[in-house]
């Protein structure tokens, strides 16, 4: 049998008694730390119930969903993937006849980003424009 340190044995006694290993506060069953100590270390102390994920309006931007639920954008992305939902594109209902400058202002992004999205979703960098020369018919 391996000899454990005094600190480890003390922590295991506290955990068995339902006391936080870092402070004298009580802990939840099966946890080593209380919620206050866990949050100081950046440990997530809760899970979002499935019913709450199913109630999410997935057309919202991921950052907004994360803010509403109090989780990171990575958590929202992983939840979307695990629920089998498709990626949310805000660029699917865009009026591509507008210029990059107009779309950039409307969506609060750079013109370069709009041009990338235009190429991705339309296959072209610029809107198709019919060129006519005066005097020709």
Protein backbone atom coordinates (compact mmCIF):
# COMPACT_ATOMS: atom_id res chain seq x y z
CA UNK A 1 0.00 0.00 0.00
CA UNK A 2 1.28 3.40 -0.98
CA UNK A 3 1.86 5.91 1.78
CA UNK A 4 -0.15 9.04 1.12
CA UNK A 5 0.83 12.48 2.35
CA UNK A 6 -0.71 14.06 5.42
CA UNK A 7 -2.38 16.69 3.21
CA UNK A 8 -3.98 14.07 0.94
CA UNK A 9 -5.28 12.04 3.89
CA UNK A 10 -6.70 15.20 5.46
CA UNK A 11 -8.45 16.15 2.21
CA UNK A 12 -9.95 12.67 1.84
CA UNK A 13 -11.26 12.77 5.43
CA UNK A 14 -12.88 16.16 4.72
CA UNK A 15 -14.38 14.92 1.44
CA UNK A 16 -15.81 11.84 3.15
CA UNK A 17 -17.40 14.12 5.76
CA UNK A 18 -18.94 16.35 3.04
CA UNK A 19 -16.67 19.32 3.76
CA UNK A 20 -14.79 21.33 1.13
CA UNK A 21 -11.10 20.37 0.96
CA UNK A 22 -10.14 24.07 0.66
CA UNK A 23 -12.47 25.74 3.16
CA UNK A 24 -14.88 24.72 5.97
CA UNK A 25 -18.04 25.02 3.79
CA UNK A 26 -20.21 21.98 3.05
CA UNK A 27 -20.06 20.40 -0.42
CA UNK A 28 -22.48 18.56 -2.67
CA UNK A 29 -22.41 14.77 -2.58
CA UNK A 30 -19.45 13.42 -4.56
CA UNK A 31 -17.69 16.79 -4.85
CA UNK A 32 -14.36 17.72 -3.29
CA UNK A 33 -14.92 21.50 -3.33
CA UNK A 34 -17.78 23.85 -2.57
CA UNK A 35 -19.19 25.96 -5.42
CA UNK A 36 -17.33 29.08 -4.24
CA UNK A 37 -13.93 27.36 -4.33
CA UNK A 38 -14.69 25.68 -7.65
CA UNK A 39 -15.68 29.00 -9.27
CA UNK A 40 -12.45 30.63 -8.04
CA UNK A 41 -10.52 27.98 -9.95
CA UNK A 42 -12.72 28.40 -13.05
CA UNK A 43 -14.42 25.02 -12.72
CA UNK A 44 -17.92 24.87 -14.16
CA UNK A 45 -20.27 23.88 -11.38
CA UNK A 46 -23.44 23.11 -13.32
CA UNK A 47 -24.80 21.55 -16.46
CA UNK A 48 -27.52 23.05 -18.62
CA UNK A 49 -30.55 20.72 -18.66
CA UNK A 50 -31.55 19.23 -22.03
CA UNK A 51 -34.94 20.96 -21.90
CA UNK A 52 -33.19 24.33 -21.72
CA UNK A 53 -31.01 23.51 -24.76
CA UNK A 54 -34.09 22.43 -26.71
CA UNK A 55 -35.82 25.74 -25.88
CA UNK A 56 -32.97 27.81 -27.37
CA UNK A 57 -33.78 29.94 -30.41
CA UNK A 58 -30.93 28.63 -32.60
CA UNK A 59 -31.22 31.40 -35.21
CA UNK A 60 -29.62 33.80 -32.72
CA UNK A 61 -25.85 34.38 -32.92
CA UNK A 62 -23.82 31.92 -30.83
CA UNK A 63 -22.38 34.74 -28.71
CA UNK A 64 -25.88 35.88 -27.78
CA UNK A 65 -27.00 32.34 -26.89
CA UNK A 66 -23.90 31.91 -24.73
CA UNK A 67 -24.62 35.18 -22.93
CA UNK A 68 -28.23 34.23 -22.26
CA UNK A 69 -27.27 30.84 -20.82
CA UNK A 70 -24.13 32.02 -19.01
CA UNK A 71 -21.80 29.59 -20.83
CA UNK A 72 -18.95 29.89 -23.33
CA UNK A 73 -19.40 29.95 -27.10
CA UNK A 74 -17.56 26.62 -27.25
CA UNK A 75 -20.19 25.08 -24.97
CA UNK A 76 -22.97 26.36 -27.23
CA UNK A 77 -21.20 25.03 -30.34
CA UNK A 78 -20.70 21.61 -28.73
CA UNK A 79 -24.35 21.48 -27.61
CA UNK A 80 -25.52 22.35 -31.13
CA UNK A 81 -23.36 19.55 -32.55
CA UNK A 82 -24.50 17.00 -29.97
CA UNK A 83 -28.16 17.84 -30.68
CA UNK A 84 -27.48 17.29 -34.39
CA UNK A 85 -28.49 20.81 -35.39
CA UNK A 86 -27.05 22.36 -38.57
CA UNK A 87 -24.64 25.27 -38.43
CA UNK A 88 -26.37 28.62 -38.05
CA UNK A 89 -25.52 30.91 -40.92
CA UNK A 90 -26.67 34.47 -40.76
CA UNK A 91 -25.54 34.85 -44.37
CA UNK A 92 -28.28 32.72 -45.91
CA UNK A 93 -30.97 35.42 -46.07
CA UNK A 94 -28.80 38.25 -47.35
CA UNK A 95 -29.67 40.52 -50.25
CA UNK A 96 -26.52 39.90 -52.28
CA UNK A 97 -27.46 42.62 -54.79
CA UNK A 98 -26.20 45.18 -52.24
CA UNK A 99 -22.54 46.23 -52.20
CA UNK A 100 -19.99 44.87 -49.76
CA UNK A 101 -19.87 48.26 -48.04
CA UNK A 102 -23.64 48.29 -47.42
CA UNK A 103 -23.67 44.71 -46.14
CA UNK A 104 -20.65 45.38 -43.91
CA UNK A 105 -22.37 48.33 -42.24
CA UNK A 106 -25.62 46.41 -41.80
CA UNK A 107 -23.94 43.33 -40.26
CA UNK A 108 -21.22 45.20 -38.34
CA UNK A 109 -18.35 43.35 -40.02
CA UNK A 110 -15.52 44.32 -42.35
CA UNK A 111 -15.92 44.58 -46.12
CA UNK A 112 -13.28 41.87 -46.48
CA UNK A 113 -15.39 39.48 -44.39
CA UNK A 114 -18.47 40.27 -46.51
CA UNK A 115 -16.50 39.51 -49.68
CA UNK A 116 -15.43 36.14 -48.21
CA UNK A 117 -19.04 35.31 -47.29
CA UNK A 118 -20.21 36.41 -50.76
CA UNK A 119 -17.72 34.02 -52.37
CA UNK A 120 -18.68 31.21 -49.99
CA UNK A 121 -22.46 31.55 -50.39
CA UNK A 122 -22.76 32.89 -53.95
CA UNK A 123 -19.62 31.60 -55.61
CA UNK A 124 -18.59 35.08 -56.76
CA UNK A 125 -16.88 38.07 -55.22
CA UNK A 126 -19.16 40.68 -56.71
CA UNK A 127 -22.84 40.79 -57.59
CA UNK A 128 -23.67 39.98 -61.18
CA UNK A 129 -24.17 43.28 -62.95
CA UNK A 130 -25.38 43.64 -66.49
CA UNK A 131 -23.18 46.08 -68.36
CA UNK A 132 -24.75 48.14 -71.11
CA UNK A 133 -23.02 50.57 -73.39
CA UNK A 134 -24.87 53.69 -74.49
CA UNK A 135 -25.80 53.69 -78.12
CA UNK A 136 -25.77 49.90 -78.47
CA UNK A 137 -28.85 47.80 -78.46
